Amino acid sequence: MDWTIILGYVILILIQYFSIQAIPVSLIGGIINKITNNILFSMLFGGLITWFFINLIWLKVYNHNLPLLAFVLSFSFLFIHGNLNNKELTETSKQMIVAEMWSILLIALYVLVLKEFNWI
């Protein structure tokens, strides 16, 4: 495994830890929510766009799509964060976490079915 891929994983974990990916998810979801007035759909759409661009950036840097391990790490991080802070989160925050988890699963399915899928 190349050290640049390890650096990519570290950056992806830092993005998850500091919730940097939540900024575009919230912005896009908030704009769409003004139109649809459905928070779950809006955040799902925002998450799909965000994770599509994260996959696109990974593709441009490493010449292959996000690997399965990156999807598993991101999904697991959100799942653990949602469970540990369950009592402190508002209902909207919980819906945002669930929508982003679904968007990660859908982008992983998109990469698995329509693109070349890497395991590590």
Protein backbone atom coordinates (compact mmCIF):
# COMPACT_ATOMS: atom_id res chain seq x y z
CA MET A 1 0.00 0.00 0.00
CA ASP A 2 1.38 3.37 -1.02
CA TRP A 3 1.94 6.01 1.68
CA THR A 4 -0.18 8.53 -0.26
CA ILE A 5 -3.21 6.26 0.06
CA ILE A 6 -2.62 6.06 3.81
CA LEU A 7 -2.47 9.87 3.83
CA GLY A 8 -5.79 9.90 1.97
CA TYR A 9 -7.36 7.70 4.64
CA VAL A 10 -5.99 9.95 7.39
CA ILE A 11 -7.43 13.01 5.65
CA LEU A 12 -10.78 11.25 5.19
CA ILE A 13 -10.88 10.34 8.89
CA LEU A 14 -10.02 13.93 9.84
CA ILE A 15 -12.78 15.20 7.57
CA GLN A 16 -15.20 12.88 9.38
CA TYR A 17 -13.87 13.73 12.84
CA PHE A 18 -14.16 17.49 12.35
CA SER A 19 -17.44 17.08 10.38
CA ILE A 20 -16.13 19.06 7.44
CA GLN A 21 -18.29 17.02 5.08
CA ALA A 22 -21.36 18.17 7.03
CA ILE A 23 -20.89 21.76 5.82
CA PRO A 24 -21.81 21.13 2.16
CA VAL A 25 -24.40 18.54 3.20
CA SER A 26 -26.10 21.15 5.40
CA LEU A 27 -25.80 23.96 2.85
CA ILE A 28 -27.14 21.95 -0.07
CA GLY A 29 -29.76 20.26 2.11
CA GLY A 30 -30.88 23.60 3.56
CA ILE A 31 -31.34 25.11 0.11
CA ILE A 32 -33.30 22.09 -1.12
CA ASN A 33 -35.32 22.03 2.11
CA LYS A 34 -36.60 25.52 1.32
CA ILE A 35 -38.08 24.09 -1.88
CA THR A 36 -39.28 20.66 -0.75
CA ASN A 37 -39.84 21.21 2.99
CA ASN A 38 -38.68 17.62 3.58
CA ILE A 39 -35.54 17.55 5.74
CA LEU A 40 -34.67 13.88 5.23
CA PHE A 41 -34.87 14.06 1.44
CA SER A 42 -32.96 17.36 1.40
CA MET A 43 -30.12 16.05 3.53
CA LEU A 44 -30.01 12.82 1.54
CA PHE A 45 -29.66 14.81 -1.67
CA GLY A 46 -27.01 17.04 -0.10
CA GLY A 47 -25.15 13.97 1.14
CA LEU A 48 -25.29 12.32 -2.28
CA ILE A 49 -23.81 15.41 -3.94
CA THR A 50 -21.14 15.78 -1.25
CA TRP A 51 -20.05 12.13 -1.30
CA PHE A 52 -20.13 12.09 -5.10
CA PHE A 53 -17.63 14.97 -5.07
CA ILE A 54 -15.51 13.29 -2.37
CA ASN A 55 -15.38 10.24 -4.64
CA LEU A 56 -14.53 12.47 -7.60
CA ILE A 57 -11.66 14.13 -5.69
CA TRP A 58 -10.34 10.70 -4.66
CA LEU A 59 -10.59 9.61 -8.31
CA LYS A 60 -8.59 12.62 -9.51
CA VAL A 61 -5.89 12.21 -6.84
CA TYR A 62 -5.50 8.40 -6.81
CA ASN A 63 -6.83 7.44 -10.27
CA HIS A 64 -9.46 5.09 -8.81
CA ASN A 65 -12.73 5.47 -6.95
CA LEU A 66 -13.12 5.47 -3.19
CA PRO A 67 -12.31 1.99 -1.91
CA LEU A 68 -14.63 -0.13 0.18
CA LEU A 69 -12.54 0.50 3.28
CA ALA A 70 -13.09 4.27 2.97
CA PHE A 71 -16.85 3.79 2.75
CA VAL A 72 -16.83 1.39 5.71
CA LEU A 73 -14.73 3.77 7.82
CA SER A 74 -16.95 6.75 7.01
CA PHE A 75 -20.17 4.84 7.63
CA SER A 76 -18.81 3.37 10.87
CA PHE A 77 -17.65 6.76 12.11
CA LEU A 78 -21.10 8.27 11.58
CA PHE A 79 -22.78 5.25 13.17
CA ILE A 80 -20.57 5.41 16.25
CA HIS A 81 -20.95 9.18 16.52
CA GLY A 82 -24.72 8.89 16.28
CA ASN A 83 -24.87 6.21 18.96
CA LEU A 84 -22.46 7.85 21.40
CA ASN A 85 -24.10 11.26 21.25
CA ASN A 86 -27.68 10.05 20.83
CA LYS A 87 -29.07 11.85 23.89
CA GLU A 88 -27.32 15.14 23.04
CA LEU A 89 -28.44 15.29 19.40
CA THR A 90 -31.60 17.01 18.24
CA GLU A 91 -34.05 15.21 15.97
CA THR A 92 -32.78 17.21 13.00
CA SER A 93 -29.19 16.19 13.75
CA LYS A 94 -30.23 12.55 13.99
CA GLN A 95 -32.00 12.83 10.64
CA MET A 96 -28.92 14.42 9.11
CA ILE A 97 -26.71 11.56 10.32
CA VAL A 98 -29.14 8.94 8.99
CA ALA A 99 -29.42 10.75 5.64
CA GLU A 100 -25.65 10.97 5.32
CA MET A 101 -25.29 7.28 6.17
CA TRP A 102 -27.79 6.47 3.42
CA SER A 103 -25.95 8.72 0.99
CA ILE A 104 -22.67 6.89 1.77
CA LEU A 105 -24.39 3.56 1.12
CA LEU A 106 -25.91 4.80 -2.15
CA ILE A 107 -22.63 6.24 -3.45
CA ALA A 108 -20.86 2.99 -2.48
CA LEU A 109 -23.53 1.07 -4.42
CA TYR A 110 -23.07 3.45 -7.37
CA VAL A 111 -19.31 2.84 -7.35
CA LEU A 112 -19.81 -0.93 -6.94
CA VAL A 113 -22.31 -1.28 -9.78
CA LEU A 114 -21.31 1.39 -12.30
CA LYS A 115 -17.62 2.03 -11.67
CA GLU A 116 -14.50 0.05 -10.93
CA PHE A 117 -14.59 -0.88 -7.25
CA ASN A 118 -11.45 -1.12 -5.14
CA TRP A 119 -11.43 -3.03 -1.90
CA ILE A 120 -8.56 -1.31 -0.07
